[in-house]
């Protein structure tokens, strides 16, 4: 799973970073970090970023900071970090703090004495490690659901190593994006592919945010949000067989279908409540 803003703040060496507002957004998932160097940020971010504002390469007054926060809200950032010190941004304006609280965006203060190279190295390393672990979990789950694994015992051992507890009942939701053929018929391949990947990132981020909001029980299980390839539907008749062999008859699988509508605006839509990997006995 992606790290949350709260987990980023808990990383070793980052204790000097202080949450000033938007604590209701601490469970937002951080996809990556972005250091803002221009007057605006909307065209440079895709959503899920932890945005750093230094004031070094571009002067930042109160109005500009508020404008950046509003842009960040529209683009779905995970949080904003303001570097403060004697030279550039002396303090975070009260209006910005109030706005961050109202928008639910974590607003973090970082002293200039805490070097950016340290902060970005710690965050980048943690995110890469988290993504590598998540990818391994996705691979295990996909093999389990499709039955495409060489040996059940080996798969079980891999699952334990990746902290996937298959001794408990699981609920699984398979989310597929619809409208992909139409997207590639209507637009050039390069453009269509870019929109498709953006849609997948957006859906995964929203799923992950929903998971993060489910509480500590699910977060502690490091439950991954996975979008399976469209051709995985060939294995649907066999879904229950391998899953039940490994986790028992309490396994429940949900099929949740999504659609790629309004492709021009990169707005994937889905129908029905979205559940992803979690525990339950329903």
C-alpha atoms as a PDB file:
ATOM      1  CA  UNK A   1       0.000   0.000   0.000  1.00  0.00           C
ATOM      2  CA  UNK A   2       1.123   3.625  -0.419  1.00  0.00           C
ATOM      3  CA  UNK A   3       2.351   5.355   2.706  1.00  0.00           C
ATOM      4  CA  UNK A   4      -0.045   7.776   4.321  1.00  0.00           C
ATOM      5  CA  UNK A   5       0.844  11.339   5.290  1.00  0.00           C
ATOM      6  CA  UNK A   6       0.819  10.232   8.922  1.00  0.00           C
ATOM      7  CA  UNK A   7       3.260   7.416   8.167  1.00  0.00           C
ATOM      8  CA  UNK A   8       5.535   9.832   6.291  1.00  0.00           C
ATOM      9  CA  UNK A   9       5.657  12.120   9.328  1.00  0.00           C
ATOM     10  CA  UNK A  10       6.583   9.147  11.517  1.00  0.00           C
ATOM     11  CA  UNK A  11       9.661   8.267   9.423  1.00  0.00           C
ATOM     12  CA  UNK A  12      13.003   8.338  11.201  1.00  0.00           C
ATOM     13  CA  UNK A  13      14.766  11.675  10.893  1.00  0.00           C
ATOM     14  CA  UNK A  14      11.639  13.693  10.075  1.00  0.00           C
ATOM     15  CA  UNK A  15      10.489  14.503  13.608  1.00  0.00           C
ATOM     16  CA  UNK A  16      11.148  18.212  13.050  1.00  0.00           C
ATOM     17  CA  UNK A  17       8.324  18.338  10.508  1.00  0.00           C
ATOM     18  CA  UNK A  18       5.182  19.514  12.322  1.00  0.00           C
ATOM     19  CA  UNK A  19       1.544  19.165  11.298  1.00  0.00           C
ATOM     20  CA  UNK A  20      -0.096  22.592  11.426  1.00  0.00           C
ATOM     21  CA  UNK A  21      -3.533  21.868   9.939  1.00  0.00           C
ATOM     22  CA  UNK A  22      -5.646  19.303   8.105  1.00  0.00           C
ATOM     23  CA  UNK A  23      -5.251  16.424  10.546  1.00  0.00           C
ATOM     24  CA  UNK A  24      -8.388  14.818   9.091  1.00  0.00           C
ATOM     25  CA  UNK A  25      -6.328  14.121   5.965  1.00  0.00           C
ATOM     26  CA  UNK A  26      -3.484  12.239   7.661  1.00  0.00           C
ATOM     27  CA  UNK A  27      -4.697   8.980   6.093  1.00  0.00           C
ATOM     28  CA  UNK A  28      -4.359  10.315   2.539  1.00  0.00           C
ATOM     29  CA  UNK A  29      -1.993   8.186   0.483  1.00  0.00           C
ATOM     30  CA  UNK A  30       1.269   9.758  -0.727  1.00  0.00           C
ATOM     31  CA  UNK A  31       2.188   8.672  -4.250  1.00  0.00           C
ATOM     32  CA  UNK A  32       5.401  10.752  -4.485  1.00  0.00           C
ATOM     33  CA  UNK A  33       6.833  14.121  -3.489  1.00  0.00           C
ATOM     34  CA  UNK A  34       7.031  17.260  -5.623  1.00  0.00           C
ATOM     35  CA  UNK A  35       9.091  20.403  -4.978  1.00  0.00           C
ATOM     36  CA  UNK A  36       7.247  23.403  -6.409  1.00  0.00           C
ATOM     37  CA  UNK A  37       9.457  25.820  -8.339  1.00  0.00           C
ATOM     38  CA  UNK A  38       6.863  27.706 -10.412  1.00  0.00           C
ATOM     39  CA  UNK A  39       4.092  30.144  -9.644  1.00  0.00           C
ATOM     40  CA  UNK A  40       1.476  27.421 -10.231  1.00  0.00           C
ATOM     41  CA  UNK A  41       1.499  23.661  -9.622  1.00  0.00           C
ATOM     42  CA  UNK A  42      -1.651  22.346 -11.340  1.00  0.00           C
ATOM     43  CA  UNK A  43       0.032  21.457 -14.634  1.00  0.00           C
ATOM     44  CA  UNK A  44       2.952  19.721 -12.915  1.00  0.00           C
ATOM     45  CA  UNK A  45       1.145  17.300 -10.606  1.00  0.00           C
ATOM     46  CA  UNK A  46      -1.166  14.322 -11.143  1.00  0.00           C
ATOM     47  CA  UNK A  47      -2.615  13.714  -7.673  1.00  0.00           C
ATOM     48  CA  UNK A  48      -1.318  12.024  -4.554  1.00  0.00           C
ATOM     49  CA  UNK A  49       1.792  14.189  -4.255  1.00  0.00           C
ATOM     50  CA  UNK A  50       3.236  15.648  -1.072  1.00  0.00           C
ATOM     51  CA  UNK A  51       4.024  19.148  -2.344  1.00  0.00           C
ATOM     52  CA  UNK A  52       6.993  21.069  -0.898  1.00  0.00           C
ATOM     53  CA  UNK A  53       7.001  24.879  -1.019  1.00  0.00           C
ATOM     54  CA  UNK A  54      10.423  26.396  -0.344  1.00  0.00           C
ATOM     55  CA  UNK A  55      10.094  29.984  -1.555  1.00  0.00           C
ATOM     56  CA  UNK A  56      13.653  29.828  -2.881  1.00  0.00           C
ATOM     57  CA  UNK A  57      13.125  29.978  -6.650  1.00  0.00           C
ATOM     58  CA  UNK A  58       9.833  31.873  -6.567  1.00  0.00           C
ATOM     59  CA  UNK A  59       8.616  34.432  -4.010  1.00  0.00           C
ATOM     60  CA  UNK A  60       5.613  33.182  -2.034  1.00  0.00           C
ATOM     61  CA  UNK A  61       3.222  35.652  -0.468  1.00  0.00           C
ATOM     62  CA  UNK A  62       0.011  34.744   1.326  1.00  0.00           C
ATOM     63  CA  UNK A  63      -2.157  34.970  -1.780  1.00  0.00           C
ATOM     64  CA  UNK A  64       0.154  32.700  -3.777  1.00  0.00           C
ATOM     65  CA  UNK A  65       0.254  30.092  -1.005  1.00  0.00           C
ATOM     66  CA  UNK A  66      -3.548  30.063  -0.841  1.00  0.00           C
ATOM     67  CA  UNK A  67      -3.683  29.747  -4.629  1.00  0.00           C
ATOM     68  CA  UNK A  68      -1.289  26.773  -4.519  1.00  0.00           C
ATOM     69  CA  UNK A  69      -3.365  25.056  -1.847  1.00  0.00           C
ATOM     70  CA  UNK A  70      -6.546  25.502  -3.882  1.00  0.00           C
ATOM     71  CA  UNK A  71      -4.802  24.097  -6.943  1.00  0.00           C
ATOM     72  CA  UNK A  72      -3.609  21.197  -4.856  1.00  0.00           C
ATOM     73  CA  UNK A  73      -7.145  20.490  -3.675  1.00  0.00           C
ATOM     74  CA  UNK A  74      -8.406  20.435  -7.257  1.00  0.00           C
ATOM     75  CA  UNK A  75      -5.637  18.053  -8.341  1.00  0.00           C
ATOM     76  CA  UNK A  76      -5.937  15.764  -5.316  1.00  0.00           C
ATOM     77  CA  UNK A  77      -2.617  16.265  -3.553  1.00  0.00           C
ATOM     78  CA  UNK A  78      -1.927  14.295  -0.385  1.00  0.00           C
ATOM     79  CA  UNK A  79      -0.542  17.248   1.541  1.00  0.00           C
ATOM     80  CA  UNK A  80       1.548  20.407   1.457  1.00  0.00           C
ATOM     81  CA  UNK A  81       4.826  21.141   3.221  1.00  0.00           C
ATOM     82  CA  UNK A  82       5.913  24.762   3.801  1.00  0.00           C
ATOM     83  CA  UNK A  83       9.587  25.410   4.571  1.00  0.00           C
ATOM     84  CA  UNK A  84       9.938  28.247   7.070  1.00  0.00           C
ATOM     85  CA  UNK A  85      12.956  30.233   8.227  1.00  0.00           C
ATOM     86  CA  UNK A  86      14.469  33.691   8.434  1.00  0.00           C
ATOM     87  CA  UNK A  87      15.240  34.123   4.727  1.00  0.00           C
ATOM     88  CA  UNK A  88      12.280  33.160   2.524  1.00  0.00           C
ATOM     89  CA  UNK A  89       8.968  32.166   4.161  1.00  0.00           C
ATOM     90  CA  UNK A  90       9.156  33.375   7.747  1.00  0.00           C
ATOM     91  CA  UNK A  91       5.874  31.847   8.949  1.00  0.00           C
ATOM     92  CA  UNK A  92       2.762  30.082   7.674  1.00  0.00           C
ATOM     93  CA  UNK A  93      -0.094  32.611   7.332  1.00  0.00           C
ATOM     94  CA  UNK A  94      -3.112  31.983   9.627  1.00  0.00           C
ATOM     95  CA  UNK A  95      -5.443  32.157   6.608  1.00  0.00           C
ATOM     96  CA  UNK A  96      -3.581  29.273   4.982  1.00  0.00           C
ATOM     97  CA  UNK A  97      -3.842  27.210   8.160  1.00  0.00           C
ATOM     98  CA  UNK A  98      -7.585  27.838   8.374  1.00  0.00           C
ATOM     99  CA  UNK A  99      -8.062  26.956   4.699  1.00  0.00           C
ATOM    100  CA  UNK A 100      -6.097  23.712   5.029  1.00  0.00           C
ATOM    101  CA  UNK A 101      -8.307  22.721   7.961  1.00  0.00           C
ATOM    102  CA  UNK A 102     -11.433  23.533   5.966  1.00  0.00           C
ATOM    103  CA  UNK A 103     -10.219  21.549   2.910  1.00  0.00           C
ATOM    104  CA  UNK A 104      -8.912  18.603   4.925  1.00  0.00           C
ATOM    105  CA  UNK A 105      -5.434  18.863   3.388  1.00  0.00           C
ATOM    106  CA  UNK A 106      -2.527  18.168   5.745  1.00  0.00           C
ATOM    107  CA  UNK A 107      -0.413  21.305   6.057  1.00  0.00           C
ATOM    108  CA  UNK A 108       3.068  20.633   7.408  1.00  0.00           C
ATOM    109  CA  UNK A 109       5.778  23.027   8.541  1.00  0.00           C
ATOM    110  CA  UNK A 110       9.402  22.101   7.904  1.00  0.00           C
ATOM    111  CA  UNK A 111      12.270  24.208   9.274  1.00  0.00           C
ATOM    112  CA  UNK A 112      14.915  25.251   6.742  1.00  0.00           C
ATOM    113  CA  UNK A 113      17.519  23.731   9.030  1.00  0.00           C
ATOM    114  CA  UNK A 114      16.163  20.294   8.091  1.00  0.00           C
ATOM    115  CA  UNK A 115      17.864  19.725   4.743  1.00  0.00           C
ATOM    116  CA  UNK A 116      15.658  18.872   1.783  1.00  0.00           C
ATOM    117  CA  UNK A 117      18.113  16.217   0.592  1.00  0.00           C
ATOM    118  CA  UNK A 118      17.532  14.313   3.832  1.00  0.00           C
ATOM    119  CA  UNK A 119      13.764  14.681   3.689  1.00  0.00           C
ATOM    120  CA  UNK A 120      13.375  13.640   0.049  1.00  0.00           C
ATOM    121  CA  UNK A 121      15.803  10.724   0.456  1.00  0.00           C
ATOM    122  CA  UNK A 122      13.873   9.355   3.446  1.00  0.00           C
ATOM    123  CA  UNK A 123      10.492   9.770   1.770  1.00  0.00           C
ATOM    124  CA  UNK A 124      11.627   8.450  -1.619  1.00  0.00           C
ATOM    125  CA  UNK A 125      13.273   5.372  -0.129  1.00  0.00           C
ATOM    126  CA  UNK A 126      10.238   4.572   2.021  1.00  0.00           C
ATOM    127  CA  UNK A 127       7.844   4.948  -0.913  1.00  0.00           C
ATOM    128  CA  UNK A 128       9.926   2.722  -3.194  1.00  0.00           C
ATOM    129  CA  UNK A 129      10.144   0.020  -0.532  1.00  0.00           C
ATOM    130  CA  UNK A 130       6.407   0.227   0.057  1.00  0.00           C
ATOM    131  CA  UNK A 131       5.653  -0.013  -3.664  1.00  0.00           C
ATOM    132  CA  UNK A 132       7.968  -3.010  -4.091  1.00  0.00           C
ATOM    133  CA  UNK A 133       6.219  -4.818  -1.240  1.00  0.00           C
ATOM    134  CA  UNK A 134       2.828  -3.922  -2.692  1.00  0.00           C
ATOM    135  CA  UNK A 135       3.799  -5.226  -6.120  1.00  0.00           C
ATOM    136  CA  UNK A 136       4.837  -8.544  -4.596  1.00  0.00           C
ATOM    137  CA  UNK A 137       1.500  -8.738  -2.796  1.00  0.00           C
ATOM    138  CA  UNK A 138      -0.359  -7.992  -6.028  1.00  0.00           C
ATOM    139  CA  UNK A 139       1.528 -10.736  -7.840  1.00  0.00           C
ATOM    140  CA  UNK A 140       0.667 -13.265  -5.129  1.00  0.00           C
ATOM    141  CA  UNK A 141      -3.002 -12.297  -5.117  1.00  0.00           C
ATOM    142  CA  UNK A 142      -3.279 -12.424  -8.889  1.00  0.00           C
ATOM    143  CA  UNK A 143      -1.701 -15.893  -8.964  1.00  0.00           C
ATOM    144  CA  UNK A 144      -4.059 -17.006  -6.224  1.00  0.00           C
ATOM    145  CA  UNK A 145      -7.191 -15.701  -7.908  1.00  0.00           C
ATOM    146  CA  UNK A 146      -6.352 -17.002 -11.367  1.00  0.00           C
ATOM    147  CA  UNK A 147      -4.892 -20.315 -10.205  1.00  0.00           C
ATOM    148  CA  UNK A 148      -1.689 -19.522 -12.086  1.00  0.00           C
ATOM    149  CA  UNK A 149       0.849 -20.662  -9.491  1.00  0.00           C
ATOM    150  CA  UNK A 150       3.378 -23.532  -9.628  1.00  0.00           C
ATOM    151  CA  UNK A 151       2.902 -24.799  -6.079  1.00  0.00           C
ATOM    152  CA  UNK A 152       0.316 -23.892  -3.443  1.00  0.00           C
ATOM    153  CA  UNK A 153       2.707 -24.373  -0.526  1.00  0.00           C
ATOM    154  CA  UNK A 154       5.303 -22.072  -2.095  1.00  0.00           C
ATOM    155  CA  UNK A 155       2.614 -19.462  -2.735  1.00  0.00           C
ATOM    156  CA  UNK A 156       1.554 -19.735   0.903  1.00  0.00           C
ATOM    157  CA  UNK A 157       5.142 -19.214   2.069  1.00  0.00           C
ATOM    158  CA  UNK A 158       5.527 -16.175  -0.168  1.00  0.00           C
ATOM    159  CA  UNK A 159       2.296 -14.771   1.225  1.00  0.00           C
ATOM    160  CA  UNK A 160       3.535 -15.131   4.805  1.00  0.00           C
ATOM    161  CA  UNK A 161       6.819 -13.447   3.874  1.00  0.00           C
ATOM    162  CA  UNK A 162       4.861 -10.514   2.390  1.00  0.00           C
ATOM    163  CA  UNK A 163       2.601 -10.276   5.455  1.00  0.00           C
ATOM    164  CA  UNK A 164      -0.497 -11.565   3.669  1.00  0.00           C
ATOM    165  CA  UNK A 165      -2.361 -13.573   6.301  1.00  0.00           C
ATOM    166  CA  UNK A 166      -4.336 -16.245   4.448  1.00  0.00           C
ATOM    167  CA  UNK A 167      -5.326 -18.017   7.648  1.00  0.00           C
ATOM    168  CA  UNK A 168      -8.159 -15.481   7.996  1.00  0.00           C
ATOM    169  CA  UNK A 169     -11.257 -15.099   5.825  1.00  0.00           C
ATOM    170  CA  UNK A 170     -10.785 -12.538   3.080  1.00  0.00           C
ATOM    171  CA  UNK A 171     -12.972 -10.331   0.955  1.00  0.00           C
ATOM    172  CA  UNK A 172     -11.704  -9.609  -2.527  1.00  0.00           C
ATOM    173  CA  UNK A 173     -12.980  -7.061  -5.006  1.00  0.00           C
ATOM    174  CA  UNK A 174     -11.951  -7.287  -8.660  1.00  0.00           C
ATOM    175  CA  UNK A 175     -12.257  -3.896 -10.324  1.00  0.00           C
ATOM    176  CA  UNK A 176     -12.127  -3.650 -14.110  1.00  0.00           C
ATOM    177  CA  UNK A 177     -12.217  -0.521 -16.218  1.00  0.00           C
ATOM    178  CA  UNK A 178     -14.747  -0.600 -19.028  1.00  0.00           C
ATOM    179  CA  UNK A 179     -14.706   1.368 -22.258  1.00  0.00           C
ATOM    180  CA  UNK A 180     -11.052   0.714 -23.062  1.00  0.00           C
ATOM    181  CA  UNK A 181     -11.701  -0.453 -26.676  1.00  0.00           C
ATOM    182  CA  UNK A 182     -13.815   2.629 -27.311  1.00  0.00           C
ATOM    183  CA  UNK A 183     -11.083   4.843 -25.878  1.00  0.00           C
ATOM    184  CA  UNK A 184      -8.507   3.450 -28.316  1.00  0.00           C
ATOM    185  CA  UNK A 185     -10.913   3.698 -31.242  1.00  0.00           C
ATOM    186  CA  UNK A 186     -11.664   7.364 -30.615  1.00  0.00           C
ATOM    187  CA  UNK A 187      -8.183   8.682 -29.833  1.00  0.00           C
ATOM    188  CA  UNK A 188      -4.602   8.188 -31.073  1.00  0.00           C
ATOM    189  CA  UNK A 189      -2.868   5.226 -29.355  1.00  0.00           C
ATOM    190  CA  UNK A 190      -0.323   7.332 -27.474  1.00  0.00           C
ATOM    191  CA  UNK A 191      -2.976   9.678 -26.112  1.00  0.00           C
ATOM    192  CA  UNK A 192      -5.367   6.843 -25.277  1.00  0.00           C
ATOM    193  CA  UNK A 193      -2.650   4.924 -23.445  1.00  0.00           C
ATOM    194  CA  UNK A 194      -1.716   8.006 -21.409  1.00  0.00           C
ATOM    195  CA  UNK A 195      -5.352   8.526 -20.389  1.00  0.00           C
ATOM    196  CA  UNK A 196      -5.742   4.842 -19.547  1.00  0.00           C
ATOM    197  CA  UNK A 197      -2.706   4.833 -17.261  1.00  0.00           C
ATOM    198  CA  UNK A 198      -3.855   8.071 -15.634  1.00  0.00           C
ATOM    199  CA  UNK A 199      -7.299   6.542 -15.045  1.00  0.00           C
ATOM    200  CA  UNK A 200      -5.756   3.476 -13.429  1.00  0.00           C
ATOM    201  CA  UNK A 201      -3.581   5.613 -11.164  1.00  0.00           C
ATOM    202  CA  UNK A 202      -6.571   7.712 -10.148  1.00  0.00           C
ATOM    203  CA  UNK A 203      -8.781   4.726  -9.382  1.00  0.00           C
ATOM    204  CA  UNK A 204      -6.024   3.012  -7.403  1.00  0.00           C
ATOM    205  CA  UNK A 205      -5.350   6.174  -5.401  1.00  0.00           C
ATOM    206  CA  UNK A 206      -9.040   6.555  -4.574  1.00  0.00           C
ATOM    207  CA  UNK A 207      -9.305   2.917  -3.580  1.00  0.00           C
ATOM    208  CA  UNK A 208      -6.225   3.239  -1.404  1.00  0.00           C
ATOM    209  CA  UNK A 209      -7.607   6.347   0.263  1.00  0.00           C
ATOM    210  CA  UNK A 210     -10.846   4.510   1.017  1.00  0.00           C
ATOM    211  CA  UNK A 211      -8.853   1.657   2.499  1.00  0.00           C
ATOM    212  CA  UNK A 212      -6.801   4.028   4.624  1.00  0.00           C
ATOM    213  CA  UNK A 213     -10.020   5.479   6.008  1.00  0.00           C
ATOM    214  CA  UNK A 214     -11.283   2.062   7.137  1.00  0.00           C
ATOM    215  CA  UNK A 215      -9.277   2.203  10.335  1.00  0.00           C
ATOM    216  CA  UNK A 216      -6.175   0.728  11.900  1.00  0.00           C
ATOM    217  CA  UNK A 217      -7.257  -2.918  11.523  1.00  0.00           C
ATOM    218  CA  UNK A 218      -7.110  -2.844   7.732  1.00  0.00           C
ATOM    219  CA  UNK A 219      -4.095  -0.538   7.534  1.00  0.00           C
ATOM    220  CA  UNK A 220      -2.058  -2.796   9.796  1.00  0.00           C
ATOM    221  CA  UNK A 221      -2.694  -5.672   7.379  1.00  0.00           C
ATOM    222  CA  UNK A 222      -1.048  -3.648   4.603  1.00  0.00           C
ATOM    223  CA  UNK A 223      -4.013  -4.478   2.385  1.00  0.00           C
ATOM    224  CA  UNK A 224      -3.163  -3.711  -1.258  1.00  0.00           C
ATOM    225  CA  UNK A 225      -5.338  -2.047  -3.867  1.00  0.00           C
ATOM    226  CA  UNK A 226      -4.845  -3.963  -7.095  1.00  0.00           C
ATOM    227  CA  UNK A 227      -6.260  -3.496 -10.586  1.00  0.00           C
ATOM    228  CA  UNK A 228      -6.041  -6.809 -12.397  1.00  0.00           C
ATOM    229  CA  UNK A 229      -5.479  -7.018 -16.175  1.00  0.00           C
ATOM    230  CA  UNK A 230      -8.645  -7.142 -18.198  1.00  0.00           C
ATOM    231  CA  UNK A 231      -7.867 -10.643 -19.498  1.00  0.00           C
ATOM    232  CA  UNK A 232      -8.028 -11.932 -15.932  1.00  0.00           C
ATOM    233  CA  UNK A 233     -11.755 -12.494 -16.542  1.00  0.00           C
ATOM    234  CA  UNK A 234     -10.839 -15.742 -18.309  1.00  0.00           C
ATOM    235  CA  UNK A 235     -10.091 -17.170 -14.885  1.00  0.00           C
ATOM    236  CA  UNK A 236     -13.395 -16.164 -13.252  1.00  0.00           C
ATOM    237  CA  UNK A 237     -14.860 -19.734 -13.249  1.00  0.00           C
ATOM    238  CA  UNK A 238     -11.805 -20.823 -11.236  1.00  0.00           C
ATOM    239  CA  UNK A 239     -11.703 -17.920  -8.799  1.00  0.00           C
ATOM    240  CA  UNK A 240     -13.148 -19.765  -5.817  1.00  0.00           C
ATOM    241  CA  UNK A 241     -11.214 -22.995  -6.193  1.00  0.00           C
ATOM    242  CA  UNK A 242      -7.665 -21.778  -5.449  1.00  0.00           C
ATOM    243  CA  UNK A 243      -8.885 -19.148  -2.994  1.00  0.00           C
ATOM    244  CA  UNK A 244     -10.817 -21.675  -0.941  1.00  0.00           C
ATOM    245  CA  UNK A 245      -7.916 -24.125  -0.940  1.00  0.00           C
ATOM    246  CA  UNK A 246      -5.732 -21.499   0.659  1.00  0.00           C
ATOM    247  CA  UNK A 247      -7.993 -19.449   2.915  1.00  0.00           C
ATOM    248  CA  UNK A 248     -11.053 -21.610   3.512  1.00  0.00           C
ATOM    249  CA  UNK A 249     -14.721 -21.523   2.623  1.00  0.00           C
ATOM    250  CA  UNK A 250     -15.313 -18.109   4.207  1.00  0.00           C
ATOM    251  CA  UNK A 251     -13.719 -16.386   1.239  1.00  0.00           C
ATOM    252  CA  UNK A 252     -16.049 -13.935  -0.476  1.00  0.00           C
ATOM    253  CA  UNK A 253     -15.252 -12.393  -3.857  1.00  0.00           C
ATOM    254  CA  UNK A 254     -16.915  -9.266  -5.146  1.00  0.00           C
ATOM    255  CA  UNK A 255     -16.860  -8.230  -8.800  1.00  0.00           C
ATOM    256  CA  UNK A 256     -17.004  -4.458  -9.023  1.00  0.00           C
ATOM    257  CA  UNK A 257     -17.093  -2.989 -12.493  1.00  0.00           C
ATOM    258  CA  UNK A 258     -15.858   0.473 -13.388  1.00  0.00           C
ATOM    259  CA  UNK A 259     -16.021   2.499 -16.563  1.00  0.00           C
ATOM    260  CA  UNK A 260     -13.830   4.914 -18.473  1.00  0.00           C
ATOM    261  CA  UNK A 261     -16.212   7.736 -19.150  1.00  0.00           C
ATOM    262  CA  UNK A 262     -15.338  11.358 -19.845  1.00  0.00           C
ATOM    263  CA  UNK A 263     -11.948  10.144 -21.007  1.00  0.00           C
ATOM    264  CA  UNK A 264     -10.990  13.610 -22.136  1.00  0.00           C
ATOM    265  CA  UNK A 265     -11.003  14.767 -18.526  1.00  0.00           C
ATOM    266  CA  UNK A 266      -9.354  11.656 -17.107  1.00  0.00           C
ATOM    267  CA  UNK A 267     -12.329  10.906 -14.885  1.00  0.00           C
ATOM    268  CA  UNK A 268     -12.762   7.182 -14.435  1.00  0.00           C
ATOM    269  CA  UNK A 269     -16.101   6.415 -12.822  1.00  0.00           C
ATOM    270  CA  UNK A 270     -17.251   3.321 -11.021  1.00  0.00           C
ATOM    271  CA  UNK A 271     -20.573   1.891  -9.981  1.00  0.00           C
ATOM    272  CA  UNK A 272     -21.278   0.303  -6.625  1.00  0.00           C
ATOM    273  CA  UNK A 273     -19.501   0.439  -3.301  1.00  0.00           C
ATOM    274  CA  UNK A 274     -15.828  -0.381  -3.585  1.00  0.00           C
ATOM    275  CA  UNK A 275     -14.286  -2.975  -1.278  1.00  0.00           C
ATOM    276  CA  UNK A 276     -10.734  -4.165  -1.584  1.00  0.00           C
ATOM    277  CA  UNK A 277      -8.670  -6.788   0.160  1.00  0.00           C
ATOM    278  CA  UNK A 278      -9.755  -6.996   3.798  1.00  0.00           C
ATOM    279  CA  UNK A 279     -10.940  -9.391   6.437  1.00  0.00           C
ATOM    280  CA  UNK A 280     -14.510 -10.335   7.157  1.00  0.00           C
ATOM    281  CA  UNK A 281     -16.848 -13.215   7.862  1.00  0.00           C
ATOM    282  CA  UNK A 282     -19.920 -12.031   5.975  1.00  0.00           C
END
